[in-house]
Amino acid sequence: MTPQNPNEARFARRSRRGFTLVELMVVIVILGGLIAIVGPKVFTAIAEADINRAKVQIDIFEQSIERYYLRHRKLPTSLDQLAEEDPREGGAIMDSIPYDPWGNEFEYKRLDNKKFIITSPGEDGTVGTDDDVVSDQQEDE
């Protein structure tokens, strides 16, 4: 049913054209509030996922070093030895040496013939700071 009065028709057309400034401001405020609440949780979850990924990579290194030790009866001098081809032993233990989640190289340190430490420098890329991820493996056998 169409309105009979021309003013009513003009008002009906105008009200269907779009949102008012107040409606847009309300939506922006609601979205801003949601981002303020959810944003920090998302970034915290991403940071925790990176730390967990570094821990998993360190676990893989530890297992690979154990395999290397079983093959050669000694620890490797560097992580690169895990990716070196050894045709006598069935190939390399690892296909390649990955970087940590932040794009840094892992640090490998032999302590003696059976002990070693693997460290990810963390987000800042510097070993010896609070954000380092360090292996808990200290002694084999």
N, C-alpha and C. Protein backbone atom coordinates (compact mmCIF):
# COMPACT_ATOMS: atom_id res chain seq x y z
N MET A 1 0.84 -1.18 0.00
CA MET A 1 0.00 0.00 0.00
C MET A 1 0.88 1.25 0.00
N THR A 2 0.70 2.16 -0.94
CA THR A 2 1.47 3.39 -1.05
C THR A 2 0.83 4.49 -0.24
N PRO A 3 1.64 5.33 0.39
CA PRO A 3 1.09 6.43 1.17
C PRO A 3 0.45 7.45 0.24
N GLN A 4 -0.66 8.06 0.68
CA GLN A 4 -1.40 9.03 -0.11
C GLN A 4 -0.77 10.42 -0.03
N ASN A 5 -0.27 10.79 1.10
CA ASN A 5 0.31 12.11 1.31
C ASN A 5 1.71 12.14 0.70
N PRO A 6 2.07 13.18 -0.11
CA PRO A 6 3.39 13.26 -0.72
C PRO A 6 4.51 13.36 0.31
N ASN A 7 4.28 14.00 1.46
CA ASN A 7 5.30 14.09 2.49
C ASN A 7 5.60 12.71 3.08
N GLU A 8 4.58 11.89 3.24
CA GLU A 8 4.77 10.53 3.75
C GLU A 8 5.57 9.70 2.75
N ALA A 9 5.32 9.86 1.46
CA ALA A 9 6.06 9.12 0.44
C ALA A 9 7.53 9.53 0.46
N ARG A 10 7.81 10.83 0.57
CA ARG A 10 9.19 11.30 0.61
C ARG A 10 9.89 10.76 1.85
N PHE A 11 9.21 10.75 3.00
CA PHE A 11 9.79 10.23 4.24
C PHE A 11 10.05 8.73 4.12
N ALA A 12 9.14 7.99 3.49
CA ALA A 12 9.31 6.54 3.32
C ALA A 12 10.52 6.25 2.45
N ARG A 13 10.72 7.02 1.36
CA ARG A 13 11.88 6.80 0.49
C ARG A 13 13.17 7.15 1.22
N ARG A 14 13.17 8.23 1.98
CA ARG A 14 14.37 8.68 2.68
C ARG A 14 14.77 7.66 3.75
N SER A 15 13.84 7.07 4.44
CA SER A 15 14.16 6.13 5.52
C SER A 15 14.72 4.82 4.99
N ARG A 16 14.50 4.52 3.74
CA ARG A 16 15.02 3.27 3.18
C ARG A 16 16.38 3.45 2.52
N ARG A 17 16.93 4.63 2.43
CA ARG A 17 18.15 4.88 1.69
C ARG A 17 19.40 4.34 2.38
N GLY A 18 19.53 4.37 3.68
CA GLY A 18 20.75 3.93 4.33
C GLY A 18 20.67 4.08 5.83
N PHE A 19 21.86 3.96 6.44
CA PHE A 19 21.95 4.06 7.88
C PHE A 19 22.18 5.50 8.30
N THR A 20 21.73 5.81 9.48
CA THR A 20 21.99 7.15 10.02
C THR A 20 23.38 7.18 10.63
N LEU A 21 23.87 8.37 10.87
CA LEU A 21 25.19 8.51 11.48
C LEU A 21 25.23 7.87 12.86
N VAL A 22 24.16 7.99 13.61
CA VAL A 22 24.09 7.40 14.95
C VAL A 22 24.19 5.88 14.87
N GLU A 23 23.48 5.27 13.92
CA GLU A 23 23.54 3.82 13.76
C GLU A 23 24.96 3.36 13.39
N LEU A 24 25.60 4.08 12.50
CA LEU A 24 26.97 3.73 12.12
C LEU A 24 27.92 3.87 13.30
N MET A 25 27.77 4.91 14.10
CA MET A 25 28.62 5.10 15.27
C MET A 25 28.43 3.99 16.29
N VAL A 26 27.19 3.56 16.48
CA VAL A 26 26.92 2.46 17.42
C VAL A 26 27.62 1.19 16.96
N VAL A 27 27.54 0.89 15.67
CA VAL A 27 28.19 -0.31 15.12
C VAL A 27 29.71 -0.21 15.29
N ILE A 28 30.28 0.96 15.02
CA ILE A 28 31.73 1.13 15.16
C ILE A 28 32.16 0.97 16.61
N VAL A 29 31.39 1.50 17.55
CA VAL A 29 31.73 1.36 18.96
C VAL A 29 31.65 -0.10 19.39
N ILE A 30 30.64 -0.82 18.93
CA ILE A 30 30.51 -2.25 19.28
C ILE A 30 31.68 -3.04 18.71
N LEU A 31 32.03 -2.80 17.44
CA LEU A 31 33.17 -3.51 16.84
C LEU A 31 34.47 -3.17 17.54
N GLY A 32 34.66 -1.91 17.90
CA GLY A 32 35.86 -1.51 18.63
C GLY A 32 35.95 -2.22 19.98
N GLY A 33 34.83 -2.35 20.67
CA GLY A 33 34.82 -3.06 21.95
C GLY A 33 35.16 -4.52 21.79
N LEU A 34 34.61 -5.15 20.77
CA LEU A 34 34.92 -6.57 20.52
C LEU A 34 36.39 -6.77 20.20
N ILE A 35 36.95 -5.89 19.39
CA ILE A 35 38.37 -6.00 19.06
C ILE A 35 39.23 -5.79 20.30
N ALA A 36 38.83 -4.86 21.15
CA ALA A 36 39.59 -4.61 22.38
C ALA A 36 39.56 -5.81 23.31
N ILE A 37 38.47 -6.55 23.30
CA ILE A 37 38.34 -7.71 24.18
C ILE A 37 39.04 -8.93 23.58
N VAL A 38 38.82 -9.19 22.30
CA VAL A 38 39.30 -10.42 21.65
C VAL A 38 40.74 -10.28 21.16
N GLY A 39 41.14 -9.11 20.72
CA GLY A 39 42.47 -8.91 20.13
C GLY A 39 43.62 -9.41 20.98
N PRO A 40 43.74 -8.98 22.24
CA PRO A 40 44.86 -9.44 23.06
C PRO A 40 44.88 -10.96 23.25
N LYS A 41 43.71 -11.57 23.33
CA LYS A 41 43.67 -13.02 23.50
C LYS A 41 44.18 -13.73 22.25
N VAL A 42 43.86 -13.19 21.09
CA VAL A 42 44.32 -13.79 19.84
C VAL A 42 45.84 -13.68 19.75
N PHE A 43 46.39 -12.50 20.05
CA PHE A 43 47.84 -12.32 19.97
C PHE A 43 48.56 -13.17 21.00
N THR A 44 47.99 -13.34 22.19
CA THR A 44 48.58 -14.20 23.20
C THR A 44 48.58 -15.65 22.72
N ALA A 45 47.49 -16.08 22.11
CA ALA A 45 47.42 -17.45 21.60
C ALA A 45 48.44 -17.69 20.49
N ILE A 46 48.66 -16.71 19.65
CA ILE A 46 49.66 -16.84 18.58
C ILE A 46 51.06 -16.96 19.19
N ALA A 47 51.36 -16.15 20.19
CA ALA A 47 52.67 -16.20 20.83
C ALA A 47 52.88 -17.56 21.52
N GLU A 48 51.86 -18.07 22.18
CA GLU A 48 51.96 -19.38 22.83
C GLU A 48 52.14 -20.49 21.80
N ALA A 49 51.49 -20.37 20.66
CA ALA A 49 51.63 -21.37 19.60
C ALA A 49 53.06 -21.38 19.07
N ASP A 50 53.68 -20.21 18.93
CA ASP A 50 55.07 -20.15 18.48
C ASP A 50 56.00 -20.83 19.49
N ILE A 51 55.78 -20.59 20.77
CA ILE A 51 56.60 -21.21 21.81
C ILE A 51 56.43 -22.73 21.77
N ASN A 52 55.19 -23.20 21.64
CA ASN A 52 54.95 -24.64 21.57
C ASN A 52 55.59 -25.25 20.33
N ARG A 53 55.55 -24.52 19.21
CA ARG A 53 56.18 -25.02 18.00
C ARG A 53 57.70 -25.15 18.18
N ALA A 54 58.31 -24.19 18.85
CA ALA A 54 59.75 -24.26 19.13
C ALA A 54 60.06 -25.46 20.01
N LYS A 55 59.22 -25.73 21.01
CA LYS A 55 59.42 -26.89 21.89
C LYS A 55 59.33 -28.19 21.10
N VAL A 56 58.38 -28.28 20.19
CA VAL A 56 58.23 -29.48 19.37
C VAL A 56 59.46 -29.66 18.47
N GLN A 57 59.95 -28.57 17.88
CA GLN A 57 61.14 -28.67 17.05
C GLN A 57 62.34 -29.12 17.87
N ILE A 58 62.46 -28.62 19.10
CA ILE A 58 63.55 -29.05 19.97
C ILE A 58 63.43 -30.53 20.29
N ASP A 59 62.21 -31.01 20.53
CA ASP A 59 62.00 -32.45 20.77
C ASP A 59 62.43 -33.27 19.57
N ILE A 60 62.14 -32.79 18.37
CA ILE A 60 62.54 -33.51 17.15
C ILE A 60 64.07 -33.53 17.05
N PHE A 61 64.72 -32.41 17.36
CA PHE A 61 66.18 -32.39 17.38
C PHE A 61 66.73 -33.41 18.38
N GLU A 62 66.15 -33.45 19.57
CA GLU A 62 66.62 -34.39 20.59
C GLU A 62 66.51 -35.83 20.11
N GLN A 63 65.39 -36.17 19.48
CA GLN A 63 65.23 -37.53 18.95
C GLN A 63 66.23 -37.81 17.84
N SER A 64 66.46 -36.83 16.99
CA SER A 64 67.41 -37.00 15.89
C SER A 64 68.84 -37.15 16.43
N ILE A 65 69.16 -36.40 17.46
CA ILE A 65 70.49 -36.52 18.06
C ILE A 65 70.65 -37.89 18.71
N GLU A 66 69.60 -38.40 19.32
CA GLU A 66 69.65 -39.76 19.89
C GLU A 66 69.90 -40.79 18.79
N ARG A 67 69.23 -40.63 17.63
CA ARG A 67 69.49 -41.54 16.50
C ARG A 67 70.93 -41.40 16.02
N TYR A 68 71.42 -40.18 15.93
CA TYR A 68 72.80 -39.95 15.52
C TYR A 68 73.75 -40.64 16.50
N TYR A 69 73.46 -40.51 17.78
CA TYR A 69 74.31 -41.12 18.81
C TYR A 69 74.31 -42.65 18.68
N LEU A 70 73.16 -43.21 18.40
CA LEU A 70 73.09 -44.67 18.22
C LEU A 70 73.89 -45.13 17.01
N ARG A 71 73.89 -44.34 15.95
CA ARG A 71 74.64 -44.69 14.73
C ARG A 71 76.15 -44.54 14.92
N HIS A 72 76.57 -43.45 15.55
CA HIS A 72 77.99 -43.08 15.57
C HIS A 72 78.66 -43.20 16.93
N ARG A 73 77.90 -43.48 17.95
CA ARG A 73 78.40 -43.59 19.33
C ARG A 73 79.07 -42.32 19.82
N LYS A 74 78.63 -41.20 19.28
CA LYS A 74 79.08 -39.89 19.74
C LYS A 74 78.02 -38.87 19.33
N LEU A 75 78.05 -37.73 20.00
CA LEU A 75 77.13 -36.65 19.65
C LEU A 75 77.66 -35.90 18.43
N PRO A 76 76.76 -35.32 17.64
CA PRO A 76 77.24 -34.50 16.52
C PRO A 76 77.93 -33.24 17.04
N THR A 77 78.82 -32.69 16.23
CA THR A 77 79.48 -31.46 16.62
C THR A 77 78.60 -30.24 16.32
N SER A 78 77.67 -30.42 15.35
CA SER A 78 76.72 -29.35 15.04
C SER A 78 75.42 -29.99 14.55
N LEU A 79 74.36 -29.20 14.54
CA LEU A 79 73.07 -29.71 14.05
C LEU A 79 73.13 -30.03 12.56
N ASP A 80 74.01 -29.37 11.82
CA ASP A 80 74.13 -29.62 10.39
C ASP A 80 74.49 -31.08 10.09
N GLN A 81 75.19 -31.73 10.99
CA GLN A 81 75.55 -33.14 10.78
C GLN A 81 74.32 -34.05 10.72
N LEU A 82 73.21 -33.61 11.29
CA LEU A 82 71.99 -34.43 11.25
C LEU A 82 71.41 -34.49 9.85
N ALA A 83 71.72 -33.51 9.02
CA ALA A 83 71.18 -33.46 7.66
C ALA A 83 72.19 -33.91 6.60
N GLU A 84 73.37 -34.33 7.03
CA GLU A 84 74.37 -34.80 6.08
C GLU A 84 74.07 -36.24 5.66
N GLU A 85 74.23 -36.50 4.37
CA GLU A 85 74.00 -37.83 3.83
C GLU A 85 75.07 -38.79 4.35
N ASP A 86 74.63 -39.95 4.75
CA ASP A 86 75.55 -41.01 5.17
C ASP A 86 75.07 -42.30 4.51
N PRO A 87 75.56 -42.60 3.30
CA PRO A 87 75.06 -43.77 2.56
C PRO A 87 75.27 -45.09 3.29
N ARG A 88 76.31 -45.16 4.12
CA ARG A 88 76.55 -46.40 4.87
C ARG A 88 75.45 -46.67 5.88
N GLU A 89 74.84 -45.59 6.37
CA GLU A 89 73.85 -45.71 7.44
C GLU A 89 72.42 -45.49 6.96
N GLY A 90 72.19 -45.41 5.65
CA GLY A 90 70.83 -45.26 5.15
C GLY A 90 70.38 -43.83 4.94
N GLY A 91 71.31 -42.92 4.73
CA GLY A 91 70.93 -41.54 4.45
C GLY A 91 70.99 -40.64 5.67
N ALA A 92 70.55 -39.42 5.47
CA ALA A 92 70.57 -38.41 6.54
C ALA A 92 69.47 -38.68 7.57
N ILE A 93 69.70 -38.26 8.77
CA ILE A 93 68.71 -38.43 9.83
C ILE A 93 67.58 -37.42 9.65
N MET A 94 67.92 -36.20 9.27
CA MET A 94 66.91 -35.15 9.02
C MET A 94 67.08 -34.67 7.58
N ASP A 95 65.97 -34.30 6.95
CA ASP A 95 66.04 -33.78 5.59
C ASP A 95 66.74 -32.42 5.55
N SER A 96 66.43 -31.58 6.51
CA SER A 96 67.03 -30.25 6.59
C SER A 96 66.94 -29.77 8.04
N ILE A 97 67.69 -28.74 8.33
CA ILE A 97 67.68 -28.16 9.68
C ILE A 97 66.73 -26.96 9.66
N PRO A 98 65.61 -27.04 10.36
CA PRO A 98 64.65 -25.94 10.33
C PRO A 98 65.09 -24.76 11.20
N TYR A 99 64.51 -23.62 10.92
CA TYR A 99 64.67 -22.45 11.76
C TYR A 99 63.57 -22.47 12.81
N ASP A 100 63.77 -21.70 13.87
CA ASP A 100 62.72 -21.63 14.89
C ASP A 100 61.54 -20.79 14.35
N PRO A 101 60.42 -20.74 15.07
CA PRO A 101 59.24 -20.02 14.56
C PRO A 101 59.46 -18.55 14.25
N TRP A 102 60.53 -17.96 14.79
CA TRP A 102 60.81 -16.55 14.56
C TRP A 102 61.88 -16.34 13.48
N GLY A 103 62.29 -17.43 12.83
CA GLY A 103 63.26 -17.34 11.73
C GLY A 103 64.71 -17.36 12.17
N ASN A 104 64.98 -17.74 13.40
CA ASN A 104 66.35 -17.80 13.92
C ASN A 104 66.88 -19.23 13.87
N GLU A 105 68.20 -19.36 13.85
CA GLU A 105 68.80 -20.69 13.93
C GLU A 105 68.79 -21.16 15.38
N PHE A 106 68.60 -22.46 15.55
CA PHE A 106 68.71 -23.04 16.88
C PHE A 106 70.18 -23.10 17.26
N GLU A 107 70.45 -22.93 18.55
CA GLU A 107 71.82 -23.06 19.04
C GLU A 107 71.98 -24.44 19.67
N TYR A 108 73.03 -25.14 19.27
CA TYR A 108 73.32 -26.47 19.79
C TYR A 108 74.65 -26.40 20.51
N LYS A 109 74.67 -26.87 21.76
CA LYS A 109 75.90 -26.84 22.53
C LYS A 109 76.12 -28.21 23.17
N ARG A 110 77.24 -28.82 22.84
CA ARG A 110 77.64 -30.08 23.49
C ARG A 110 78.27 -29.74 24.83
N LEU A 111 77.81 -30.42 25.88
CA LEU A 111 78.39 -30.20 27.19
C LEU A 111 79.49 -31.21 27.49
N ASP A 112 79.28 -32.45 27.06
CA ASP A 112 80.29 -33.50 27.13
C ASP A 112 79.89 -34.57 26.12
N ASN A 113 80.34 -35.80 26.29
CA ASN A 113 80.06 -36.84 25.30
C ASN A 113 78.61 -37.30 25.25
N LYS A 114 77.84 -37.01 26.29
CA LYS A 114 76.44 -37.46 26.30
C LYS A 114 75.44 -36.35 26.63
N LYS A 115 75.91 -35.18 26.94
CA LYS A 115 75.01 -34.09 27.33
C LYS A 115 75.08 -32.96 26.31
N PHE A 116 73.92 -32.34 26.09
CA PHE A 116 73.85 -31.23 25.16
C PHE A 116 72.65 -30.35 25.51
N ILE A 117 72.66 -29.16 24.97
CA ILE A 117 71.54 -28.22 25.14
C ILE A 117 71.20 -27.64 23.77
N ILE A 118 69.91 -27.57 23.48
CA ILE A 118 69.44 -26.91 22.27
C ILE A 118 68.60 -25.71 22.70
N THR A 119 68.87 -24.56 22.10
CA THR A 119 68.19 -23.33 22.48
C THR A 119 67.65 -22.61 21.26
N SER A 120 66.40 -22.16 21.37
CA SER A 120 65.85 -21.24 20.39
C SER A 120 65.98 -19.85 20.99
N PRO A 121 66.57 -18.91 20.25
CA PRO A 121 66.75 -17.57 20.81
C PRO A 121 65.45 -16.83 21.09
N GLY A 122 64.35 -17.34 20.63
CA GLY A 122 63.07 -16.68 20.89
C GLY A 122 62.83 -15.53 19.94
N GLU A 123 61.81 -14.77 20.25
CA GLU A 123 61.37 -13.70 19.36
C GLU A 123 62.43 -12.61 19.16
N ASP A 124 63.21 -12.32 20.21
CA ASP A 124 64.20 -11.24 20.06
C ASP A 124 65.46 -11.67 19.32
N GLY A 125 65.63 -12.98 19.10
CA GLY A 125 66.76 -13.47 18.32
C GLY A 125 68.08 -13.49 19.08
N THR A 126 68.04 -13.27 20.39
CA THR A 126 69.26 -13.23 21.20
C THR A 126 69.23 -14.34 22.24
N VAL A 127 70.26 -15.17 22.25
CA VAL A 127 70.36 -16.24 23.24
C VAL A 127 70.74 -15.63 24.58
N GLY A 128 70.12 -16.14 25.63
CA GLY A 128 70.43 -15.68 26.98
C GLY A 128 69.44 -14.69 27.53
N THR A 129 68.32 -14.51 26.85
CA THR A 129 67.28 -13.60 27.34
C THR A 129 66.09 -14.40 27.84
N ASP A 130 65.11 -13.70 28.40
CA ASP A 130 63.96 -14.36 29.02
C ASP A 130 63.07 -15.11 28.04
N ASP A 131 63.10 -14.76 26.77
CA ASP A 131 62.19 -15.42 25.82
C ASP A 131 62.79 -16.65 25.15
N ASP A 132 63.97 -17.09 25.58
CA ASP A 132 64.59 -18.29 25.00
C ASP A 132 63.75 -19.52 25.31
N VAL A 133 63.75 -20.46 24.37
CA VAL A 133 63.13 -21.77 24.59
C VAL A 133 64.28 -22.76 24.62
N VAL A 134 64.46 -23.44 25.76
CA VAL A 134 65.62 -24.30 25.97
C VAL A 134 65.19 -25.74 26.15
N SER A 135 66.00 -26.66 25.62
CA SER A 135 65.70 -28.08 25.78
C SER A 135 65.82 -28.46 27.23
N ASP A 136 64.96 -29.38 27.65
CA ASP A 136 65.07 -29.89 29.01
C ASP A 136 65.89 -31.17 29.03
N GLN A 137 66.33 -31.63 27.87
CA GLN A 137 67.14 -32.83 27.75
C GLN A 137 68.55 -32.47 28.15
N GLN A 138 69.06 -33.06 29.19
CA GLN A 138 70.41 -32.76 29.64
C GLN A 138 71.34 -33.97 29.56
N GLU A 139 70.76 -35.16 29.62
CA GLU A 139 71.63 -36.33 29.68
C GLU A 139 70.98 -37.47 28.93
N ASP A 140 71.74 -38.11 28.10
CA ASP A 140 71.33 -39.32 27.41
C ASP A 140 71.77 -40.51 28.22
N GLU A 141 70.94 -41.50 28.32
CA GLU A 141 71.26 -42.77 28.98
C GLU A 141 71.77 -42.57 30.38
